[in-house]
Every structure is written in C-alpha cells, then in structure tokens.
C-alpha cells in the first residue's frame, strides 16, 4: 500500500540541517569563525555555494572544450603536426 506525503514548500526553506563533523572539521570551522567573524552556518553555506558554482563552471568549460574539439579538432591536429 503506497502513499505520498505532501511536504509544504516552507519546510525546505526553514528546517535546520544537522551536520556531522569530525575533529579536523571542528578545528577548521572554529578557525574560520574566529578569523572571518561569520557563523558556522554561514561558513558552511558559503563553502557549499562555492563548490556548487565551481562544479557548474567546470561542467561548462568541459562542455565548451568538447564542442570546440568537435568543430576544430582536425585543424588543431594538422597545426600540431607542422
């Protein structure tokens, strides 16, 4: 017997997240809180957003490089052999 739960939209915006840390992460977080004057939550949020933006950028660069190689690969190959 299957059922589905309707999860309200606000739940995804306002519910806390528990992050399990180890000793090294605790030390790093404490150092960043001290040096940057930000909350642990903000430091983690920025790290996640930075990683997301970086991975998106890498994906776009790889896609662009693939398209350029498909279009210009033969020309580049000829140039490299001269």
C-alpha atoms as a PDB file:
ATOM      1  CA  UNK A   1       0.000   0.000   0.000  1.00  0.00           C
ATOM      2  CA  UNK A   2       1.652   3.198  -1.176  1.00  0.00           C
ATOM      3  CA  UNK A   3       1.069   6.720  -0.015  1.00  0.00           C
ATOM      4  CA  UNK A   4       2.630  10.097  -0.614  1.00  0.00           C
ATOM      5  CA  UNK A   5       3.179  12.921   1.783  1.00  0.00           C
ATOM      6  CA  UNK A   6       2.632  16.483   0.729  1.00  0.00           C
ATOM      7  CA  UNK A   7       5.592  18.408   2.114  1.00  0.00           C
ATOM      8  CA  UNK A   8       4.895  22.139   2.339  1.00  0.00           C
ATOM      9  CA  UNK A   9       7.258  24.433   0.407  1.00  0.00           C
ATOM     10  CA  UNK A  10       8.237  26.360   3.575  1.00  0.00           C
ATOM     11  CA  UNK A  11       9.689  23.154   5.022  1.00  0.00           C
ATOM     12  CA  UNK A  12      12.534  23.225   2.519  1.00  0.00           C
ATOM     13  CA  UNK A  13      13.420  26.826   3.377  1.00  0.00           C
ATOM     14  CA  UNK A  14      13.274  26.865   7.169  1.00  0.00           C
ATOM     15  CA  UNK A  15      14.178  23.442   8.500  1.00  0.00           C
ATOM     16  CA  UNK A  16      17.517  23.054  10.268  1.00  0.00           C
ATOM     17  CA  UNK A  17      20.144  20.670   8.993  1.00  0.00           C
ATOM     18  CA  UNK A  18      22.384  18.654  11.263  1.00  0.00           C
ATOM     19  CA  UNK A  19      25.957  18.370  10.009  1.00  0.00           C
ATOM     20  CA  UNK A  20      28.142  15.657  11.485  1.00  0.00           C
ATOM     21  CA  UNK A  21      31.716  16.825  11.910  1.00  0.00           C
ATOM     22  CA  UNK A  22      34.980  15.268  12.914  1.00  0.00           C
ATOM     23  CA  UNK A  23      37.806  16.802  14.919  1.00  0.00           C
ATOM     24  CA  UNK A  24      39.560  18.258  11.845  1.00  0.00           C
ATOM     25  CA  UNK A  25      36.370  19.925  10.600  1.00  0.00           C
ATOM     26  CA  UNK A  26      35.623  21.319  14.064  1.00  0.00           C
ATOM     27  CA  UNK A  27      39.103  22.828  14.210  1.00  0.00           C
ATOM     28  CA  UNK A  28      38.749  24.302  10.709  1.00  0.00           C
ATOM     29  CA  UNK A  29      35.292  25.717  11.459  1.00  0.00           C
ATOM     30  CA  UNK A  30      36.483  27.276  14.721  1.00  0.00           C
ATOM     31  CA  UNK A  31      39.447  28.884  12.939  1.00  0.00           C
ATOM     32  CA  UNK A  32      37.217  30.281  10.176  1.00  0.00           C
ATOM     33  CA  UNK A  33      34.641  31.596  12.659  1.00  0.00           C
ATOM     34  CA  UNK A  34      37.424  33.338  14.544  1.00  0.00           C
ATOM     35  CA  UNK A  35      39.226  34.789  11.529  1.00  0.00           C
ATOM     36  CA  UNK A  36      36.230  35.717   9.375  1.00  0.00           C
ATOM     37  CA  UNK A  37      33.744  36.696  12.052  1.00  0.00           C
ATOM     38  CA  UNK A  38      30.997  34.637  10.443  1.00  0.00           C
ATOM     39  CA  UNK A  39      28.708  31.999  11.890  1.00  0.00           C
ATOM     40  CA  UNK A  40      29.355  28.310  11.343  1.00  0.00           C
ATOM     41  CA  UNK A  41      26.171  28.184   9.302  1.00  0.00           C
ATOM     42  CA  UNK A  42      27.350  30.979   7.003  1.00  0.00           C
ATOM     43  CA  UNK A  43      30.781  29.399   6.547  1.00  0.00           C
ATOM     44  CA  UNK A  44      29.205  26.065   5.596  1.00  0.00           C
ATOM     45  CA  UNK A  45      26.659  27.795   3.331  1.00  0.00           C
ATOM     46  CA  UNK A  46      29.417  29.676   1.505  1.00  0.00           C
ATOM     47  CA  UNK A  47      31.503  26.521   1.127  1.00  0.00           C
ATOM     48  CA  UNK A  48      28.579  24.635  -0.402  1.00  0.00           C
ATOM     49  CA  UNK A  49      27.712  27.504  -2.758  1.00  0.00           C
ATOM     50  CA  UNK A  50      31.365  27.885  -3.798  1.00  0.00           C
ATOM     51  CA  UNK A  51      31.599  24.163  -4.540  1.00  0.00           C
ATOM     52  CA  UNK A  52      28.335  24.289  -6.489  1.00  0.00           C
ATOM     53  CA  UNK A  53      29.489  27.279  -8.556  1.00  0.00           C
ATOM     54  CA  UNK A  54      32.875  25.659  -9.188  1.00  0.00           C
ATOM     55  CA  UNK A  55      31.336  22.369 -10.339  1.00  0.00           C
ATOM     56  CA  UNK A  56      28.941  24.250 -12.602  1.00  0.00           C
ATOM     57  CA  UNK A  57      31.876  26.192 -14.072  1.00  0.00           C
ATOM     58  CA  UNK A  58      33.926  23.038 -14.641  1.00  0.00           C
ATOM     59  CA  UNK A  59      30.963  21.450 -16.383  1.00  0.00           C
ATOM     60  CA  UNK A  60      30.548  24.441 -18.704  1.00  0.00           C
ATOM     61  CA  UNK A  61      34.269  24.513 -19.533  1.00  0.00           C
ATOM     62  CA  UNK A  62      34.313  20.776 -20.295  1.00  0.00           C
ATOM     63  CA  UNK A  63      31.231  21.116 -22.484  1.00  0.00           C
ATOM     64  CA  UNK A  64      32.735  24.058 -24.327  1.00  0.00           C
ATOM     65  CA  UNK A  65      36.049  22.243 -24.837  1.00  0.00           C
ATOM     66  CA  UNK A  66      34.207  19.218 -26.234  1.00  0.00           C
ATOM     67  CA  UNK A  67      32.287  21.393 -28.693  1.00  0.00           C
ATOM     68  CA  UNK A  68      35.471  23.170 -29.783  1.00  0.00           C
ATOM     69  CA  UNK A  69      37.312  19.866 -30.287  1.00  0.00           C
ATOM     70  CA  UNK A  70      34.425  18.537 -32.377  1.00  0.00           C
ATOM     71  CA  UNK A  71      34.499  21.664 -34.507  1.00  0.00           C
ATOM     72  CA  UNK A  72      38.225  22.434 -34.663  1.00  0.00           C
ATOM     73  CA  UNK A  73      39.927  19.169 -33.703  1.00  0.00           C
ATOM     74  CA  UNK A  74      41.083  18.360 -37.231  1.00  0.00           C
ATOM     75  CA  UNK A  75      42.562  21.844 -37.651  1.00  0.00           C
ATOM     76  CA  UNK A  76      44.364  21.627 -34.301  1.00  0.00           C
ATOM     77  CA  UNK A  77      45.695  18.194 -35.203  1.00  0.00           C
ATOM     78  CA  UNK A  78      47.104  19.489 -38.508  1.00  0.00           C
ATOM     79  CA  UNK A  79      48.637  22.514 -36.793  1.00  0.00           C
ATOM     80  CA  UNK A  80      50.308  20.358 -34.162  1.00  0.00           C
ATOM     81  CA  UNK A  81      51.959  18.172 -36.814  1.00  0.00           C
ATOM     82  CA  UNK A  82      53.528  21.044 -38.773  1.00  0.00           C
END
